[in-house]
Amino acid sequence: MKHITWEQFEKIDIRSGTIIDALEFPEARKPAYKLRIDFGDGIGILKSSAQITALYTPSDLIGKQIIAVVNFPPKQIGPWVSECLVLGLEGSAGIVLLRPDTPVSNGQKMH
């Protein structure tokens, strides 16, 4: 394990958001969805590509709050530009989303 400094960690902007749209992403090399996520007034709506198809359907995802890194540079993934990184953990059946266990405001910064 490589250690980072506190200053490096503070540069990572991790926020809560609510998925407002989820679509199949057939152009992706690995099965994925195209997501639009509302991070509230300060950040707005960002797009992401997420490889979470094993455990979630697009309709399951609408309205779910998630946790994401919002300050990575945009990344071109096929015809889609991903603007944030949705966080998850690899479970035995697929990627499990990191989510607040009670509702929080969109755009809430992780402390």
PDB file of N, CA and C in Angstrom:
ATOM      1  N   MET A   1       0.848  -1.178   0.000  1.00  0.00           N
ATOM      2  CA  MET A   1       0.000   0.000   0.000  1.00  0.00           C
ATOM      3  C   MET A   1       0.886   1.231   0.000  1.00  0.00           C
ATOM      4  N   LYS A   2       0.548   2.155  -0.897  1.00  0.00           N
ATOM      5  CA  LYS A   2       1.274   3.408  -0.969  1.00  0.00           C
ATOM      6  C   LYS A   2       0.505   4.480  -0.204  1.00  0.00           C
ATOM      7  N   HIS A   3       1.190   5.189   0.675  1.00  0.00           N
ATOM      8  CA  HIS A   3       0.553   6.228   1.478  1.00  0.00           C
ATOM      9  C   HIS A   3       0.523   7.552   0.727  1.00  0.00           C
ATOM     10  N   ILE A   4      -0.515   8.342   0.995  1.00  0.00           N
ATOM     11  CA  ILE A   4      -0.592   9.695   0.471  1.00  0.00           C
ATOM     12  C   ILE A   4      -0.595  10.651   1.659  1.00  0.00           C
ATOM     13  N   THR A   5      -0.335  11.895   1.382  1.00  0.00           N
ATOM     14  CA  THR A   5      -0.349  12.894   2.443  1.00  0.00           C
ATOM     15  C   THR A   5      -1.769  13.401   2.651  1.00  0.00           C
ATOM     16  N   TRP A   6      -2.004  14.043   3.781  1.00  0.00           N
ATOM     17  CA  TRP A   6      -3.306  14.647   4.038  1.00  0.00           C
ATOM     18  C   TRP A   6      -3.612  15.703   2.979  1.00  0.00           C
ATOM     19  N   GLU A   7      -2.595  16.451   2.580  1.00  0.00           N
ATOM     20  CA  GLU A   7      -2.782  17.490   1.567  1.00  0.00           C
ATOM     21  C   GLU A   7      -3.230  16.883   0.241  1.00  0.00           C
ATOM     22  N   GLN A   8      -2.690  15.728  -0.122  1.00  0.00           N
ATOM     23  CA  GLN A   8      -3.123  15.053  -1.348  1.00  0.00           C
ATOM     24  C   GLN A   8      -4.579  14.608  -1.230  1.00  0.00           C
ATOM     25  N   PHE A   9      -4.947  14.053  -0.094  1.00  0.00           N
ATOM     26  CA  PHE A   9      -6.318  13.602   0.116  1.00  0.00           C
ATOM     27  C   PHE A   9      -7.298  14.770   0.043  1.00  0.00           C
ATOM     28  N   GLU A  10      -6.922  15.910   0.607  1.00  0.00           N
ATOM     29  CA  GLU A  10      -7.808  17.074   0.603  1.00  0.00           C
ATOM     30  C   GLU A  10      -8.113  17.583  -0.806  1.00  0.00           C
ATOM     31  N   LYS A  11      -7.297  17.235  -1.775  1.00  0.00           N
ATOM     32  CA  LYS A  11      -7.525  17.662  -3.153  1.00  0.00           C
ATOM     33  C   LYS A  11      -8.632  16.868  -3.846  1.00  0.00           C
ATOM     34  N   ILE A  12      -8.990  15.714  -3.294  1.00  0.00           N
ATOM     35  CA  ILE A  12     -10.029  14.874  -3.887  1.00  0.00           C
ATOM     36  C   ILE A  12     -11.376  15.392  -3.409  1.00  0.00           C
ATOM     37  N   ASP A  13     -12.232  15.787  -4.345  1.00  0.00           N
ATOM     38  CA  ASP A  13     -13.541  16.344  -4.024  1.00  0.00           C
ATOM     39  C   ASP A  13     -14.592  15.242  -4.184  1.00  0.00           C
ATOM     40  N   ILE A  14     -15.018  14.676  -3.062  1.00  0.00           N
ATOM     41  CA  ILE A  14     -15.979  13.572  -3.052  1.00  0.00           C
ATOM     42  C   ILE A  14     -17.317  14.118  -2.558  1.00  0.00           C
ATOM     43  N   ARG A  15     -18.360  13.930  -3.376  1.00  0.00           N
ATOM     44  CA  ARG A  15     -19.665  14.538  -3.103  1.00  0.00           C
ATOM     45  C   ARG A  15     -20.806  13.536  -3.266  1.00  0.00           C
ATOM     46  N   SER A  16     -21.932  13.886  -2.670  1.00  0.00           N
ATOM     47  CA  SER A  16     -23.165  13.120  -2.856  1.00  0.00           C
ATOM     48  C   SER A  16     -23.918  13.670  -4.069  1.00  0.00           C
ATOM     49  N   GLY A  17     -24.609  12.783  -4.750  1.00  0.00           N
ATOM     50  CA  GLY A  17     -25.423  13.181  -5.884  1.00  0.00           C
ATOM     51  C   GLY A  17     -26.571  12.209  -6.076  1.00  0.00           C
ATOM     52  N   THR A  18     -27.552  12.606  -6.856  1.00  0.00           N
ATOM     53  CA  THR A  18     -28.703  11.754  -7.143  1.00  0.00           C
ATOM     54  C   THR A  18     -28.742  11.461  -8.637  1.00  0.00           C
ATOM     55  N   ILE A  19     -28.836  10.189  -8.974  1.00  0.00           N
ATOM     56  CA  ILE A  19     -28.909   9.785 -10.382  1.00  0.00           C
ATOM     57  C   ILE A  19     -30.271  10.205 -10.927  1.00  0.00           C
ATOM     58  N   ILE A  20     -30.242  11.006 -11.998  1.00  0.00           N
ATOM     59  CA  ILE A  20     -31.496  11.468 -12.596  1.00  0.00           C
ATOM     60  C   ILE A  20     -31.777  10.797 -13.944  1.00  0.00           C
ATOM     61  N   ASP A  21     -30.767  10.146 -14.511  1.00  0.00           N
ATOM     62  CA  ASP A  21     -30.959   9.457 -15.781  1.00  0.00           C
ATOM     63  C   ASP A  21     -29.934   8.335 -15.880  1.00  0.00           C
ATOM     64  N   ALA A  22     -30.359   7.189 -16.382  1.00  0.00           N
ATOM     65  CA  ALA A  22     -29.474   6.037 -16.575  1.00  0.00           C
ATOM     66  C   ALA A  22     -29.873   5.344 -17.867  1.00  0.00           C
ATOM     67  N   LEU A  23     -28.895   5.200 -18.761  1.00  0.00           N
ATOM     68  CA  LEU A  23     -29.149   4.595 -20.068  1.00  0.00           C
ATOM     69  C   LEU A  23     -28.133   3.495 -20.343  1.00  0.00           C
ATOM     70  N   GLU A  24     -28.550   2.522 -21.133  1.00  0.00           N
ATOM     71  CA  GLU A  24     -27.616   1.496 -21.605  1.00  0.00           C
ATOM     72  C   GLU A  24     -26.488   2.182 -22.372  1.00  0.00           C
ATOM     73  N   PHE A  25     -25.300   1.589 -22.348  1.00  0.00           N
ATOM     74  CA  PHE A  25     -24.136   2.158 -23.035  1.00  0.00           C
ATOM     75  C   PHE A  25     -23.512   1.061 -23.897  1.00  0.00           C
ATOM     76  N   PRO A  26     -24.172   0.701 -25.014  1.00  0.00           N
ATOM     77  CA  PRO A  26     -23.709  -0.420 -25.831  1.00  0.00           C
ATOM     78  C   PRO A  26     -22.344  -0.184 -26.474  1.00  0.00           C
ATOM     79  N   GLU A  27     -21.923   1.083 -26.614  1.00  0.00           N
ATOM     80  CA  GLU A  27     -20.627   1.375 -27.240  1.00  0.00           C
ATOM     81  C   GLU A  27     -19.446   1.131 -26.292  1.00  0.00           C
ATOM     82  N   ALA A  28     -19.695   0.973 -25.014  1.00  0.00           N
ATOM     83  CA  ALA A  28     -18.616   0.755 -24.038  1.00  0.00           C
ATOM     84  C   ALA A  28     -17.985  -0.623 -24.251  1.00  0.00           C
ATOM     85  N   ARG A  29     -16.670  -0.710 -24.020  1.00  0.00           N
ATOM     86  CA  ARG A  29     -15.972  -1.989 -24.178  1.00  0.00           C
ATOM     87  C   ARG A  29     -16.439  -3.012 -23.149  1.00  0.00           C
ATOM     88  N   LYS A  30     -16.646  -2.561 -21.892  1.00  0.00           N
ATOM     89  CA  LYS A  30     -17.186  -3.419 -20.840  1.00  0.00           C
ATOM     90  C   LYS A  30     -18.604  -2.936 -20.555  1.00  0.00           C
ATOM     91  N   PRO A  31     -19.503  -3.846 -20.173  1.00  0.00           N
ATOM     92  CA  PRO A  31     -20.886  -3.434 -19.919  1.00  0.00           C
ATOM     93  C   PRO A  31     -20.953  -2.261 -18.930  1.00  0.00           C
ATOM     94  N   ALA A  32     -21.689  -1.222 -19.301  1.00  0.00           N
ATOM     95  CA  ALA A  32     -21.764  -0.013 -18.480  1.00  0.00           C
ATOM     96  C   ALA A  32     -23.062   0.728 -18.759  1.00  0.00           C
ATOM     97  N   TYR A  33     -23.346   1.695 -17.901  1.00  0.00           N
ATOM     98  CA  TYR A  33     -24.456   2.610 -18.094  1.00  0.00           C
ATOM     99  C   TYR A  33     -23.921   4.028 -18.239  1.00  0.00           C
ATOM    100  N   LYS A  34     -24.661   4.846 -18.970  1.00  0.00           N
ATOM    101  CA  LYS A  34     -24.413   6.282 -19.027  1.00  0.00           C
ATOM    102  C   LYS A  34     -25.323   6.915 -17.982  1.00  0.00           C
ATOM    103  N   LEU A  35     -24.735   7.637 -17.048  1.00  0.00           N
ATOM    104  CA  LEU A  35     -25.493   8.250 -15.962  1.00  0.00           C
ATOM    105  C   LEU A  35     -25.432   9.760 -16.047  1.00  0.00           C
ATOM    106  N   ARG A  36     -26.517  10.400 -15.640  1.00  0.00           N
ATOM    107  CA  ARG A  36     -26.529  11.845 -15.383  1.00  0.00           C
ATOM    108  C   ARG A  36     -26.866  11.985 -13.906  1.00  0.00           C
ATOM    109  N   ILE A  37     -26.034  12.756 -13.203  1.00  0.00           N
ATOM    110  CA  ILE A  37     -26.124  12.822 -11.745  1.00  0.00           C
ATOM    111  C   ILE A  37     -26.239  14.282 -11.320  1.00  0.00           C
ATOM    112  N   ASP A  38     -27.220  14.557 -10.461  1.00  0.00           N
ATOM    113  CA  ASP A  38     -27.438  15.908  -9.950  1.00  0.00           C
ATOM    114  C   ASP A  38     -26.641  16.089  -8.658  1.00  0.00           C
ATOM    115  N   PHE A  39     -25.670  17.015  -8.694  1.00  0.00           N
ATOM    116  CA  PHE A  39     -24.854  17.323  -7.530  1.00  0.00           C
ATOM    117  C   PHE A  39     -25.251  18.649  -6.887  1.00  0.00           C
ATOM    118  N   GLY A  40     -26.432  19.145  -7.190  1.00  0.00           N
ATOM    119  CA  GLY A  40     -26.934  20.348  -6.539  1.00  0.00           C
ATOM    120  C   GLY A  40     -26.474  21.627  -7.207  1.00  0.00           C
ATOM    121  N   ASP A  41     -26.867  22.747  -6.593  1.00  0.00           N
ATOM    122  CA  ASP A  41     -26.648  24.065  -7.180  1.00  0.00           C
ATOM    123  C   ASP A  41     -25.179  24.406  -7.420  1.00  0.00           C
ATOM    124  N   GLY A  42     -24.300  24.035  -6.526  1.00  0.00           N
ATOM    125  CA  GLY A  42     -22.899  24.428  -6.666  1.00  0.00           C
ATOM    126  C   GLY A  42     -22.171  23.742  -7.808  1.00  0.00           C
ATOM    127  N   ILE A  43     -22.554  22.530  -8.125  1.00  0.00           N
ATOM    128  CA  ILE A  43     -21.846  21.744  -9.148  1.00  0.00           C
ATOM    129  C   ILE A  43     -22.726  21.498 -10.363  1.00  0.00           C
ATOM    130  N   GLY A  44     -23.988  21.224 -10.137  1.00  0.00           N
ATOM    131  CA  GLY A  44     -24.910  20.965 -11.228  1.00  0.00           C
ATOM    132  C   GLY A  44     -24.969  19.497 -11.611  1.00  0.00           C
ATOM    133  N   ILE A  45     -25.331  19.244 -12.855  1.00  0.00           N
ATOM    134  CA  ILE A  45     -25.494  17.880 -13.360  1.00  0.00           C
ATOM    135  C   ILE A  45     -24.225  17.475 -14.099  1.00  0.00           C
ATOM    136  N   LEU A  46     -23.668  16.323 -13.700  1.00  0.00           N
ATOM    137  CA  LEU A  46     -22.482  15.772 -14.354  1.00  0.00           C
ATOM    138  C   LEU A  46     -22.818  14.410 -14.935  1.00  0.00           C
ATOM    139  N   LYS A  47     -22.059  14.022 -15.959  1.00  0.00           N
ATOM    140  CA  LYS A  47     -22.235  12.728 -16.617  1.00  0.00           C
ATOM    141  C   LYS A  47     -21.152  11.761 -16.130  1.00  0.00           C
ATOM    142  N   SER A  48     -21.497  10.480 -16.136  1.00  0.00           N
ATOM    143  CA  SER A  48     -20.521   9.453 -15.792  1.00  0.00           C
ATOM    144  C   SER A  48     -20.848   8.174 -16.548  1.00  0.00           C
ATOM    145  N   SER A  49     -19.847   7.354 -16.729  1.00  0.00           N
ATOM    146  CA  SER A  49     -20.019   5.999 -17.236  1.00  0.00           C
ATOM    147  C   SER A  49     -19.698   5.077 -16.064  1.00  0.00           C
ATOM    148  N   ALA A  50     -20.587   4.127 -15.787  1.00  0.00           N
ATOM    149  CA  ALA A  50     -20.385   3.256 -14.631  1.00  0.00           C
ATOM    150  C   ALA A  50     -20.601   1.796 -15.012  1.00  0.00           C
ATOM    151  N   GLN A  51     -19.645   0.958 -14.653  1.00  0.00           N
ATOM    152  CA  GLN A  51     -19.713  -0.475 -14.931  1.00  0.00           C
ATOM    153  C   GLN A  51     -20.429  -1.174 -13.778  1.00  0.00           C
ATOM    154  N   ILE A  52     -21.723  -0.931 -13.678  1.00  0.00           N
ATOM    155  CA  ILE A  52     -22.525  -1.439 -12.558  1.00  0.00           C
ATOM    156  C   ILE A  52     -23.710  -2.263 -13.057  1.00  0.00           C
ATOM    157  N   THR A  53     -23.581  -2.841 -14.243  1.00  0.00           N
ATOM    158  CA  THR A  53     -24.708  -3.525 -14.876  1.00  0.00           C
ATOM    159  C   THR A  53     -25.045  -4.874 -14.241  1.00  0.00           C
ATOM    160  N   ALA A  54     -24.118  -5.473 -13.501  1.00  0.00           N
ATOM    161  CA  ALA A  54     -24.377  -6.796 -12.918  1.00  0.00           C
ATOM    162  C   ALA A  54     -25.435  -6.746 -11.815  1.00  0.00           C
ATOM    163  N   LEU A  55     -25.480  -5.643 -11.074  1.00  0.00           N
ATOM    164  CA  LEU A  55     -26.385  -5.569  -9.921  1.00  0.00           C
ATOM    165  C   LEU A  55     -27.522  -4.569 -10.063  1.00  0.00           C
ATOM    166  N   TYR A  56     -27.463  -3.706 -11.086  1.00  0.00           N
ATOM    167  CA  TYR A  56     -28.453  -2.637 -11.205  1.00  0.00           C
ATOM    168  C   TYR A  56     -28.992  -2.584 -12.620  1.00  0.00           C
ATOM    169  N   THR A  57     -30.269  -2.207 -12.735  1.00  0.00           N
ATOM    170  CA  THR A  57     -30.859  -1.899 -14.031  1.00  0.00           C
ATOM    171  C   THR A  57     -30.999  -0.379 -14.112  1.00  0.00           C
ATOM    172  N   PRO A  58     -31.143   0.185 -15.310  1.00  0.00           N
ATOM    173  CA  PRO A  58     -31.320   1.634 -15.396  1.00  0.00           C
ATOM    174  C   PRO A  58     -32.476   2.142 -14.533  1.00  0.00           C
ATOM    175  N   SER A  59     -33.582   1.432 -14.525  1.00  0.00           N
ATOM    176  CA  SER A  59     -34.732   1.897 -13.736  1.00  0.00           C
ATOM    177  C   SER A  59     -34.456   1.815 -12.231  1.00  0.00           C
ATOM    178  N   ASP A  60     -33.623   0.858 -11.802  1.00  0.00           N
ATOM    179  CA  ASP A  60     -33.236   0.769 -10.382  1.00  0.00           C
ATOM    180  C   ASP A  60     -32.452   2.000  -9.942  1.00  0.00           C
ATOM    181  N   LEU A  61     -31.709   2.594 -10.861  1.00  0.00           N
ATOM    182  CA  LEU A  61     -30.763   3.646 -10.516  1.00  0.00           C
ATOM    183  C   LEU A  61     -31.393   5.029 -10.380  1.00  0.00           C
ATOM    184  N   ILE A  62     -32.481   5.279 -11.085  1.00  0.00           N
ATOM    185  CA  ILE A  62     -33.104   6.605 -11.050  1.00  0.00           C
ATOM    186  C   ILE A  62     -33.530   6.932  -9.619  1.00  0.00           C
ATOM    187  N   GLY A  63     -33.067   8.076  -9.135  1.00  0.00           N
ATOM    188  CA  GLY A  63     -33.410   8.518  -7.792  1.00  0.00           C
ATOM    189  C   GLY A  63     -32.474   8.042  -6.700  1.00  0.00           C
ATOM    190  N   LYS A  64     -31.524   7.158  -7.030  1.00  0.00           N
ATOM    191  CA  LYS A  64     -30.574   6.688  -6.018  1.00  0.00           C
ATOM    192  C   LYS A  64     -29.516   7.752  -5.761  1.00  0.00           C
ATOM    193  N   GLN A  65     -29.213   7.952  -4.491  1.00  0.00           N
ATOM    194  CA  GLN A  65     -28.094   8.817  -4.149  1.00  0.00           C
ATOM    195  C   GLN A  65     -26.825   7.989  -4.189  1.00  0.00           C
ATOM    196  N   ILE A  66     -25.763   8.611  -4.676  1.00  0.00           N
ATOM    197  CA  ILE A  66     -24.468   7.938  -4.795  1.00  0.00           C
ATOM    198  C   ILE A  66     -23.383   8.867  -4.260  1.00  0.00           C
ATOM    199  N   ILE A  67     -22.174   8.341  -4.211  1.00  0.00           N
ATOM    200  CA  ILE A  67     -20.986   9.095  -3.829  1.00  0.00           C
ATOM    201  C   ILE A  67     -20.046   9.078  -5.025  1.00  0.00           C
ATOM    202  N   ALA A  68     -19.468  10.241  -5.371  1.00  0.00           N
ATOM    203  CA  ALA A  68     -18.605  10.319  -6.550  1.00  0.00           C
ATOM    204  C   ALA A  68     -17.493  11.346  -6.353  1.00  0.00           C
ATOM    205  N   VAL A  69     -16.411  11.138  -7.080  1.00  0.00           N
ATOM    206  CA  VAL A  69     -15.338  12.132  -7.176  1.00  0.00           C
ATOM    207  C   VAL A  69     -15.730  13.076  -8.302  1.00  0.00           C
ATOM    208  N   VAL A  70     -15.788  14.374  -8.000  1.00  0.00           N
ATOM    209  CA  VAL A  70     -16.286  15.328  -8.994  1.00  0.00           C
ATOM    210  C   VAL A  70     -15.195  16.229  -9.569  1.00  0.00           C
ATOM    211  N   ASN A  71     -13.946  16.053  -9.163  1.00  0.00           N
ATOM    212  CA  ASN A  71     -12.916  16.960  -9.671  1.00  0.00           C
ATOM    213  C   ASN A  71     -11.822  16.265 -10.486  1.00  0.00           C
ATOM    214  N   PHE A  72     -12.138  15.118 -11.079  1.00  0.00           N
ATOM    215  CA  PHE A  72     -11.244  14.542 -12.080  1.00  0.00           C
ATOM    216  C   PHE A  72     -11.471  15.285 -13.396  1.00  0.00           C
ATOM    217  N   PRO A  73     -10.470  15.345 -14.266  1.00  0.00           N
ATOM    218  CA  PRO A  73     -10.721  15.938 -15.580  1.00  0.00           C
ATOM    219  C   PRO A  73     -11.669  15.041 -16.377  1.00  0.00           C
ATOM    220  N   PRO A  74     -12.439  15.618 -17.292  1.00  0.00           N
ATOM    221  CA  PRO A  74     -13.337  14.802 -18.128  1.00  0.00           C
ATOM    222  C   PRO A  74     -12.544  13.726 -18.878  1.00  0.00           C
ATOM    223  N   LYS A  75     -13.191  12.565 -19.044  1.00  0.00           N
ATOM    224  CA  LYS A  75     -12.545  11.440 -19.733  1.00  0.00           C
ATOM    225  C   LYS A  75     -13.460  10.952 -20.847  1.00  0.00           C
ATOM    226  N   GLN A  76     -12.921  10.881 -22.061  1.00  0.00           N
ATOM    227  CA  GLN A  76     -13.680  10.394 -23.214  1.00  0.00           C
ATOM    228  C   GLN A  76     -13.765   8.876 -23.136  1.00  0.00           C
ATOM    229  N   ILE A  77     -14.986   8.351 -23.137  1.00  0.00           N
ATOM    230  CA  ILE A  77     -15.216   6.903 -23.136  1.00  0.00           C
ATOM    231  C   ILE A  77     -16.116   6.625 -24.332  1.00  0.00           C
ATOM    232  N   GLY A  78     -15.508   6.230 -25.437  1.00  0.00           N
ATOM    233  CA  GLY A  78     -16.270   6.071 -26.673  1.00  0.00           C
ATOM    234  C   GLY A  78     -16.890   7.412 -27.029  1.00  0.00           C
ATOM    235  N   PRO A  79     -18.196   7.440 -27.334  1.00  0.00           N
ATOM    236  CA  PRO A  79     -18.855   8.695 -27.700  1.00  0.00           C
ATOM    237  C   PRO A  79     -19.305   9.517 -26.477  1.00  0.00           C
ATOM    238  N   TRP A  80     -19.037   9.062 -25.273  1.00  0.00           N
ATOM    239  CA  TRP A  80     -19.529   9.685 -24.038  1.00  0.00           C
ATOM    240  C   TRP A  80     -18.366  10.322 -23.284  1.00  0.00           C
ATOM    241  N   VAL A  81     -18.592  11.473 -22.705  1.00  0.00           N
ATOM    242  CA  VAL A  81     -17.576  12.124 -21.874  1.00  0.00           C
ATOM    243  C   VAL A  81     -17.997  11.957 -20.419  1.00  0.00           C
ATOM    244  N   SER A  82     -17.161  11.273 -19.647  1.00  0.00           N
ATOM    245  CA  SER A  82     -17.425  11.066 -18.226  1.00  0.00           C
ATOM    246  C   SER A  82     -16.816  12.230 -17.456  1.00  0.00           C
ATOM    247  N   GLU A  83     -17.633  12.881 -16.624  1.00  0.00           N
ATOM    248  CA  GLU A  83     -17.208  14.078 -15.908  1.00  0.00           C
ATOM    249  C   GLU A  83     -16.993  13.853 -14.418  1.00  0.00           C
ATOM    250  N   CYS A  84     -17.341  12.664 -13.926  1.00  0.00           N
ATOM    251  CA  CYS A  84     -17.131  12.338 -12.521  1.00  0.00           C
ATOM    252  C   CYS A  84     -16.952  10.828 -12.405  1.00  0.00           C
ATOM    253  N   LEU A  85     -16.434  10.386 -11.260  1.00  0.00           N
ATOM    254  CA  LEU A  85     -16.202   8.965 -11.020  1.00  0.00           C
ATOM    255  C   LEU A  85     -17.118   8.491  -9.904  1.00  0.00           C
ATOM    256  N   VAL A  86     -18.090   7.664 -10.247  1.00  0.00           N
ATOM    257  CA  VAL A  86     -18.991   7.075  -9.265  1.00  0.00           C
ATOM    258  C   VAL A  86     -18.209   6.013  -8.502  1.00  0.00           C
ATOM    259  N   LEU A  87     -18.319   6.042  -7.178  1.00  0.00           N
ATOM    260  CA  LEU A  87     -17.533   5.130  -6.353  1.00  0.00           C
ATOM    261  C   LEU A  87     -18.321   3.880  -5.993  1.00  0.00           C
ATOM    262  N   GLY A  88     -17.624   2.751  -5.966  1.00  0.00           N
ATOM    263  CA  GLY A  88     -18.233   1.479  -5.617  1.00  0.00           C
ATOM    264  C   GLY A  88     -17.185   0.508  -5.121  1.00  0.00           C
ATOM    265  N   LEU A  89     -17.659  -0.611  -4.632  1.00  0.00           N
ATOM    266  CA  LEU A  89     -16.796  -1.684  -4.148  1.00  0.00           C
ATOM    267  C   LEU A  89     -17.119  -2.955  -4.916  1.00  0.00           C
ATOM    268  N   GLU A  90     -16.110  -3.754  -5.164  1.00  0.00           N
ATOM    269  CA  GLU A  90     -16.345  -4.990  -5.903  1.00  0.00           C
ATOM    270  C   GLU A  90     -16.847  -6.064  -4.949  1.00  0.00           C
ATOM    271  N   GLY A  91     -18.096  -6.470  -5.160  1.00  0.00           N
ATOM    272  CA  GLY A  91     -18.685  -7.560  -4.400  1.00  0.00           C
ATOM    273  C   GLY A  91     -18.610  -8.844  -5.195  1.00  0.00           C
ATOM    274  N   SER A  92     -19.087  -9.925  -4.630  1.00  0.00           N
ATOM    275  CA  SER A  92     -19.007 -11.220  -5.312  1.00  0.00           C
ATOM    276  C   SER A  92     -19.857 -11.261  -6.580  1.00  0.00           C
ATOM    277  N   ALA A  93     -20.909 -10.432  -6.646  1.00  0.00           N
ATOM    278  CA  ALA A  93     -21.794 -10.443  -7.808  1.00  0.00           C
ATOM    279  C   ALA A  93     -21.587  -9.253  -8.741  1.00  0.00           C
ATOM    280  N   GLY A  94     -20.695  -8.314  -8.390  1.00  0.00           N
ATOM    281  CA  GLY A  94     -20.469  -7.139  -9.220  1.00  0.00           C
ATOM    282  C   GLY A  94     -20.185  -5.923  -8.362  1.00  0.00           C
ATOM    283  N   ILE A  95     -20.096  -4.774  -9.012  1.00  0.00           N
ATOM    284  CA  ILE A  95     -19.797  -3.523  -8.318  1.00  0.00           C
ATOM    285  C   ILE A  95     -21.017  -3.063  -7.524  1.00  0.00           C
ATOM    286  N   VAL A  96     -20.787  -2.766  -6.240  1.00  0.00           N
ATOM    287  CA  VAL A  96     -21.814  -2.271  -5.335  1.00  0.00           C
ATOM    288  C   VAL A  96     -21.561  -0.779  -5.133  1.00  0.00           C
ATOM    289  N   LEU A  97     -22.560   0.039  -5.384  1.00  0.00           N
ATOM    290  CA  LEU A  97     -22.418   1.486  -5.254  1.00  0.00           C
ATOM    291  C   LEU A  97     -22.192   1.899  -3.806  1.00  0.00           C
ATOM    292  N   LEU A  98     -21.307   2.893  -3.616  1.00  0.00           N
ATOM    293  CA  LEU A  98     -21.194   3.539  -2.309  1.00  0.00           C
ATOM    294  C   LEU A  98     -22.314   4.564  -2.242  1.00  0.00           C
ATOM    295  N   ARG A  99     -23.112   4.493  -1.172  1.00  0.00           N
ATOM    296  CA  ARG A  99     -24.281   5.362  -1.060  1.00  0.00           C
ATOM    297  C   ARG A  99     -24.480   5.759   0.395  1.00  0.00           C
ATOM    298  N   PRO A 100     -25.021   6.969   0.628  1.00  0.00           N
ATOM    299  CA  PRO A 100     -25.380   7.323   1.995  1.00  0.00           C
ATOM    300  C   PRO A 100     -26.502   6.402   2.481  1.00  0.00           C
ATOM    301  N   ASP A 101     -26.514   6.057   3.760  1.00  0.00           N
ATOM    302  CA  ASP A 101     -27.588   5.184   4.249  1.00  0.00           C
ATOM    303  C   ASP A 101     -28.834   5.954   4.661  1.00  0.00           C
ATOM    304  N   THR A 102     -28.731   7.282   4.714  1.00  0.00           N
ATOM    305  CA  THR A 102     -29.899   8.141   4.874  1.00  0.00           C
ATOM    306  C   THR A 102     -29.755   9.284   3.870  1.00  0.00           C
ATOM    307  N   PRO A 103     -30.855   9.872   3.422  1.00  0.00           N
ATOM    308  CA  PRO A 103     -30.761  10.940   2.420  1.00  0.00           C
ATOM    309  C   PRO A 103     -29.962  12.142   2.928  1.00  0.00           C
ATOM    310  N   VAL A 104     -29.166  12.709   2.034  1.00  0.00           N
ATOM    311  CA  VAL A 104     -28.401  13.933   2.292  1.00  0.00           C
ATOM    312  C   VAL A 104     -28.620  14.877   1.106  1.00  0.00           C
ATOM    313  N   SER A 105     -28.223  16.118   1.266  1.00  0.00           N
ATOM    314  CA  SER A 105     -28.364  17.075   0.179  1.00  0.00           C
ATOM    315  C   SER A 105     -27.422  16.712  -0.962  1.00  0.00           C
ATOM    316  N   ASN A 106     -27.871  16.940  -2.194  1.00  0.00           N
ATOM    317  CA  ASN A 106     -26.988  16.754  -3.340  1.00  0.00           C
ATOM    318  C   ASN A 106     -25.849  17.751  -3.234  1.00  0.00           C
ATOM    319  N   GLY A 107     -24.651  17.295  -3.525  1.00  0.00           N
ATOM    320  CA  GLY A 107     -23.480  18.150  -3.469  1.00  0.00           C
ATOM    321  C   GLY A 107     -22.807  18.177  -2.108  1.00  0.00           C
ATOM    322  N   GLN A 108     -23.333  17.415  -1.156  1.00  0.00           N
ATOM    323  CA  GLN A 108     -22.723  17.369   0.180  1.00  0.00           C
ATOM    324  C   GLN A 108     -21.297  16.843   0.065  1.00  0.00           C
ATOM    325  N   LYS A 109     -20.337  17.560   0.611  1.00  0.00           N
ATOM    326  CA  LYS A 109     -18.925  17.178   0.537  1.00  0.00           C
ATOM    327  C   LYS A 109     -18.605  16.162   1.625  1.00  0.00           C
ATOM    328  N   MET A 110     -17.850  15.141   1.248  1.00  0.00           N
ATOM    329  CA  MET A 110     -17.412  14.144   2.214  1.00  0.00           C
ATOM    330  C   MET A 110     -16.415  14.773   3.178  1.00  0.00           C
ATOM    331  N   HIS A 111     -16.569  14.474   4.433  1.00  0.00           N
ATOM    332  CA  HIS A 111     -15.641  14.980   5.464  1.00  0.00           C
ATOM    333  C   HIS A 111     -14.917  13.819   6.110  1.00  0.00           C
TER     334      HIS A 111
END
